[in-house]
C-alpha atoms as a PDB file:
ATOM      1  CA  MET A   1      90.136  84.624  85.170  1.00  0.00           C
ATOM      2  CA  PHE A   2      88.680  84.660  88.664  1.00  0.00           C
ATOM      3  CA  TYR A   3      90.537  82.922  91.462  1.00  0.00           C
ATOM      4  CA  THR A   4      90.312  82.774  95.227  1.00  0.00           C
ATOM      5  CA  ILE A   5      93.548  83.777  96.935  1.00  0.00           C
ATOM      6  CA  GLU A   6      94.402  80.114  97.501  1.00  0.00           C
ATOM      7  CA  GLU A   7      93.718  79.297  93.842  1.00  0.00           C
ATOM      8  CA  THR A   8      95.786  82.321  92.780  1.00  0.00           C
ATOM      9  CA  VAL A   9      98.791  81.170  94.780  1.00  0.00           C
ATOM     10  CA  LYS A  10      98.472  77.636  93.351  1.00  0.00           C
ATOM     11  CA  ALA A  11      98.207  79.008  89.805  1.00  0.00           C
ATOM     12  CA  LEU A  12     101.264  81.233  90.306  1.00  0.00           C
ATOM     13  CA  LYS A  13     103.289  78.374  91.814  1.00  0.00           C
ATOM     14  CA  SER A  14     102.418  75.979  88.999  1.00  0.00           C
ATOM     15  CA  GLY A  15     102.895  78.516  86.214  1.00  0.00           C
ATOM     16  CA  GLU A  16      99.231  78.318  85.166  1.00  0.00           C
ATOM     17  CA  THR A  17      99.169  82.120  85.361  1.00  0.00           C
ATOM     18  CA  THR A  18     101.551  84.963  86.050  1.00  0.00           C
ATOM     19  CA  SER A  19     101.379  87.979  88.273  1.00  0.00           C
ATOM     20  CA  ALA A  20     101.672  90.143  85.150  1.00  0.00           C
ATOM     21  CA  ALA A  21      98.586  88.456  83.658  1.00  0.00           C
ATOM     22  CA  LEU A  22      96.619  88.984  86.875  1.00  0.00           C
ATOM     23  CA  VAL A  23      97.634  92.641  87.004  1.00  0.00           C
ATOM     24  CA  LYS A  24      96.859  93.159  83.314  1.00  0.00           C
ATOM     25  CA  ALA A  25      93.373  91.679  83.778  1.00  0.00           C
ATOM     26  CA  SER A  26      92.775  93.986  86.747  1.00  0.00           C
ATOM     27  CA  VAL A  27      94.075  97.083  84.930  1.00  0.00           C
ATOM     28  CA  ASP A  28      92.002  96.231  81.843  1.00  0.00           C
ATOM     29  CA  THR A  29      88.897  95.877  84.019  1.00  0.00           C
ATOM     30  CA  PHE A  30      89.617  99.281  85.585  1.00  0.00           C
ATOM     31  CA  GLU A  31      90.209 100.954  82.204  1.00  0.00           C
ATOM     32  CA  ASN A  32      87.091  99.413  80.645  1.00  0.00           C
ATOM     33  CA  ASP A  33      85.018 100.458  83.654  1.00  0.00           C
ATOM     34  CA  LYS A  34      86.167 104.094  83.313  1.00  0.00           C
ATOM     35  CA  LYS A  35      84.873 104.075  79.708  1.00  0.00           C
ATOM     36  CA  SER A  36      81.570 102.439  80.637  1.00  0.00           C
ATOM     37  CA  GLU A  37      78.272 104.328  80.386  1.00  0.00           C
ATOM     38  CA  LYS A  38      77.618 103.478  84.051  1.00  0.00           C
ATOM     39  CA  PRO A  39      81.003 102.884  85.666  1.00  0.00           C
ATOM     40  CA  LEU A  40      81.202 100.967  88.945  1.00  0.00           C
ATOM     41  CA  ASN A  41      83.540 103.664  90.271  1.00  0.00           C
ATOM     42  CA  ALA A  42      85.174 101.186  92.652  1.00  0.00           C
ATOM     43  CA  PHE A  43      88.824 101.991  91.834  1.00  0.00           C
ATOM     44  CA  LEU A  44      90.112 105.541  92.102  1.00  0.00           C
ATOM     45  CA  GLU A  45      93.529 104.833  90.636  1.00  0.00           C
ATOM     46  CA  ILE A  46      95.868 102.047  89.655  1.00  0.00           C
ATOM     47  CA  TYR A  47      99.386 102.527  91.028  1.00  0.00           C
ATOM     48  CA  ASP A  48     101.955 103.340  88.355  1.00  0.00           C
ATOM     49  CA  ASP A  49     104.508 100.754  89.544  1.00  0.00           C
ATOM     50  CA  VAL A  50     102.180  97.737  89.626  1.00  0.00           C
ATOM     51  CA  VAL A  51     103.320  96.221  86.299  1.00  0.00           C
ATOM     52  CA  GLU A  52     106.987  96.555  87.304  1.00  0.00           C
ATOM     53  CA  LYS A  53     106.274  94.807  90.626  1.00  0.00           C
ATOM     54  CA  ALA A  54     104.339  92.028  88.884  1.00  0.00           C
ATOM     55  CA  ASN A  55     107.193  91.455  86.437  1.00  0.00           C
ATOM     56  CA  ALA A  56     109.678  91.302  89.336  1.00  0.00           C
ATOM     57  CA  ALA A  57     107.500  88.740  91.145  1.00  0.00           C
ATOM     58  CA  ASP A  58     107.231  86.656  87.967  1.00  0.00           C
ATOM     59  CA  ALA A  59     111.017  86.724  87.527  1.00  0.00           C
ATOM     60  CA  GLU A  60     111.510  85.624  91.119  1.00  0.00           C
ATOM     61  CA  ILE A  61     109.015  82.760  90.688  1.00  0.00           C
ATOM     62  CA  ALA A  62     110.590  81.693  87.369  1.00  0.00           C
ATOM     63  CA  GLU A  63     114.054  81.624  88.922  1.00  0.00           C
ATOM     64  CA  ALA A  64     112.799  79.537  91.866  1.00  0.00           C
ATOM     65  CA  ARG A  65     111.003  77.164  89.485  1.00  0.00           C
ATOM     66  CA  LYS A  66     114.232  76.770  87.485  1.00  0.00           C
ATOM     67  CA  ASN A  67     116.192  76.042  90.694  1.00  0.00           C
ATOM     68  CA  GLY A  68     113.528  73.716  92.122  1.00  0.00           C
ATOM     69  CA  THR A  69     112.947  76.016  95.095  1.00  0.00           C
ATOM     70  CA  VAL A  70     109.491  77.378  94.297  1.00  0.00           C
ATOM     71  CA  GLY A  71     107.999  75.647  97.365  1.00  0.00           C
ATOM     72  CA  LYS A  72     110.578  77.259  99.633  1.00  0.00           C
ATOM     73  CA  LEU A  73     110.018  80.641  97.970  1.00  0.00           C
ATOM     74  CA  PHE A  74     106.287  80.501  98.689  1.00  0.00           C
ATOM     75  CA  GLU A  75     106.993  79.467 102.294  1.00  0.00           C
ATOM     76  CA  GLU A  76     108.976  82.699 102.676  1.00  0.00           C
ATOM     77  CA  LYS A  77     106.575  84.840 100.618  1.00  0.00           C
ATOM     78  CA  PRO A  78     103.179  83.098 100.680  1.00  0.00           C
ATOM     79  CA  LEU A  79     101.406  85.792  98.606  1.00  0.00           C
ATOM     80  CA  LEU A  80     104.160  86.454  96.079  1.00  0.00           C
ATOM     81  CA  GLY A  81     102.693  88.059  92.960  1.00  0.00           C
ATOM     82  CA  VAL A  82      99.121  88.287  94.256  1.00  0.00           C
ATOM     83  CA  PRO A  83      97.608  91.718  93.491  1.00  0.00           C
ATOM     84  CA  PHE A  84      95.302  93.336  96.047  1.00  0.00           C
ATOM     85  CA  ALA A  85      93.142  96.461  96.269  1.00  0.00           C
ATOM     86  CA  VAL A  86      93.668  99.112  98.947  1.00  0.00           C
ATOM     87  CA  LYS A  87      90.871 101.193 100.453  1.00  0.00           C
ATOM     88  CA  ASP A  88      91.555 104.922 100.290  1.00  0.00           C
ATOM     89  CA  ASN A  89      91.988 105.127 104.082  1.00  0.00           C
ATOM     90  CA  ILE A  90      94.925 102.699 104.303  1.00  0.00           C
ATOM     91  CA  SER A  91      98.377 104.230 104.103  1.00  0.00           C
ATOM     92  CA  VAL A  92     100.722 103.069 101.294  1.00  0.00           C
ATOM     93  CA  LYS A  93     104.015 104.960 101.528  1.00  0.00           C
ATOM     94  CA  GLY A  94     104.417 107.571  98.799  1.00  0.00           C
ATOM     95  CA  LYS A  95     100.933 106.996  97.372  1.00  0.00           C
ATOM     96  CA  SER A  96      97.901 109.261  97.426  1.00  0.00           C
ATOM     97  CA  LEU A  97      95.747 108.942 100.564  1.00  0.00           C
ATOM     98  CA  THR A  98      92.594 111.055 100.589  1.00  0.00           C
ATOM     99  CA  CYS A  99      90.119 108.975 102.611  1.00  0.00           C
ATOM    100  CA  SER A 100      87.724 110.107  99.836  1.00  0.00           C
ATOM    101  CA  SER A 101      87.690 113.619 101.301  1.00  0.00           C
ATOM    102  CA  LYS A 102      88.465 117.032  99.791  1.00  0.00           C
ATOM    103  CA  ILE A 103      90.395 117.878 102.949  1.00  0.00           C
ATOM    104  CA  LEU A 104      93.154 115.391 102.072  1.00  0.00           C
ATOM    105  CA  GLN A 105      93.401 115.968  98.317  1.00  0.00           C
ATOM    106  CA  GLY A 106      97.081 115.997  97.368  1.00  0.00           C
ATOM    107  CA  TYR A 107      98.191 114.209 100.545  1.00  0.00           C
ATOM    108  CA  ARG A 108     100.829 111.459 100.178  1.00  0.00           C
ATOM    109  CA  ALA A 109     101.186 108.732 102.785  1.00  0.00           C
ATOM    110  CA  PRO A 110     104.468 109.046 104.734  1.00  0.00           C
ATOM    111  CA  TYR A 111     104.548 105.360 105.789  1.00  0.00           C
ATOM    112  CA  ASN A 112     102.992 101.953 105.147  1.00  0.00           C
ATOM    113  CA  ALA A 113     100.136 100.885 107.384  1.00  0.00           C
ATOM    114  CA  THR A 114     100.873  97.641 109.263  1.00  0.00           C
ATOM    115  CA  VAL A 115      98.524  95.669 107.016  1.00  0.00           C
ATOM    116  CA  ILE A 116     100.336  96.951 103.911  1.00  0.00           C
ATOM    117  CA  ALA A 117     103.768  96.207 105.401  1.00  0.00           C
ATOM    118  CA  ARG A 118     102.709  92.648 106.184  1.00  0.00           C
ATOM    119  CA  LEU A 119     101.205  92.083 102.742  1.00  0.00           C
ATOM    120  CA  LEU A 120     104.346  93.470 101.089  1.00  0.00           C
ATOM    121  CA  ASP A 121     106.512  91.201 103.257  1.00  0.00           C
ATOM    122  CA  ALA A 122     104.377  88.266 102.057  1.00  0.00           C
ATOM    123  CA  GLY A 123     105.079  89.310  98.441  1.00  0.00           C
ATOM    124  CA  ALA A 124     101.637  90.704  97.581  1.00  0.00           C
ATOM    125  CA  ILE A 125     101.332  93.629  95.171  1.00  0.00           C
ATOM    126  CA  PRO A 126      99.169  96.691  95.941  1.00  0.00           C
ATOM    127  CA  LEU A 127      97.143  97.325  92.798  1.00  0.00           C
ATOM    128  CA  GLY A 128      95.588 100.698  93.569  1.00  0.00           C
ATOM    129  CA  ARG A 129      93.179 102.753  95.667  1.00  0.00           C
ATOM    130  CA  CYS A 130      89.472 101.950  96.050  1.00  0.00           C
ATOM    131  CA  ASN A 131      86.584 104.295  96.685  1.00  0.00           C
ATOM    132  CA  GLN A 132      84.835 104.543 100.065  1.00  0.00           C
ATOM    133  CA  ASP A 133      82.624 106.864 102.065  1.00  0.00           C
ATOM    134  CA  GLU A 134      84.478 109.946 103.306  1.00  0.00           C
ATOM    135  CA  PHE A 135      86.744 108.892 106.192  1.00  0.00           C
ATOM    136  CA  ALA A 136      84.996 105.471 106.045  1.00  0.00           C
ATOM    137  CA  MET A 137      81.953 106.986 107.768  1.00  0.00           C
ATOM    138  CA  GLY A 138      79.277 104.885 106.097  1.00  0.00           C
ATOM    139  CA  SER A 139      78.818 101.802 103.986  1.00  0.00           C
ATOM    140  CA  SER A 140      77.267 102.876 100.684  1.00  0.00           C
ATOM    141  CA  THR A 141      79.952 105.263  99.290  1.00  0.00           C
ATOM    142  CA  GLU A 142      77.280 107.847  98.626  1.00  0.00           C
ATOM    143  CA  TYR A 143      79.368 110.287 100.689  1.00  0.00           C
ATOM    144  CA  SER A 144      82.604 110.083  98.727  1.00  0.00           C
ATOM    145  CA  ILE A 145      84.016 113.075  96.849  1.00  0.00           C
ATOM    146  CA  TYR A 146      84.566 110.641  93.970  1.00  0.00           C
ATOM    147  CA  GLY A 147      80.886 109.741  93.751  1.00  0.00           C
ATOM    148  CA  PRO A 148      79.060 106.547  94.664  1.00  0.00           C
ATOM    149  CA  THR A 149      80.341 103.078  93.941  1.00  0.00           C
ATOM    150  CA  ARG A 150      77.748 101.021  92.134  1.00  0.00           C
ATOM    151  CA  ASN A 151      79.157  97.660  93.212  1.00  0.00           C
ATOM    152  CA  PRO A 152      81.606  97.999  96.099  1.00  0.00           C
END
């Protein structure tokens, strides 16, 4: 299932798909890639609370659908239930933030970056961290401590 963001929101509103299904597809892709002979190495980790957040979004959508207020809900939270990837140089409070550098291994973000705060306010769900060049100094990811990404 591949959707644009607009198609994803429509599918979530109509009940064609669920946030949990979108998250499961993403997690399955990540897990299958890790087992691959030539992994893409795009994701570094999937956040441990992503399924819980997807289930909460689905419950909120289901309740609004039952009450006939799903349109109003999506006016307030236009990206409710939409999972998104986070580059390893964008701060997500309490999550690992290494900027793909050995220097920051073990570092946890003390706050949410503005972009994350705005996406969270819109109801979007951070899926996990993505690989990048160390401190985002490049474009090929050949200078990441996690190795190159084959299809960034």
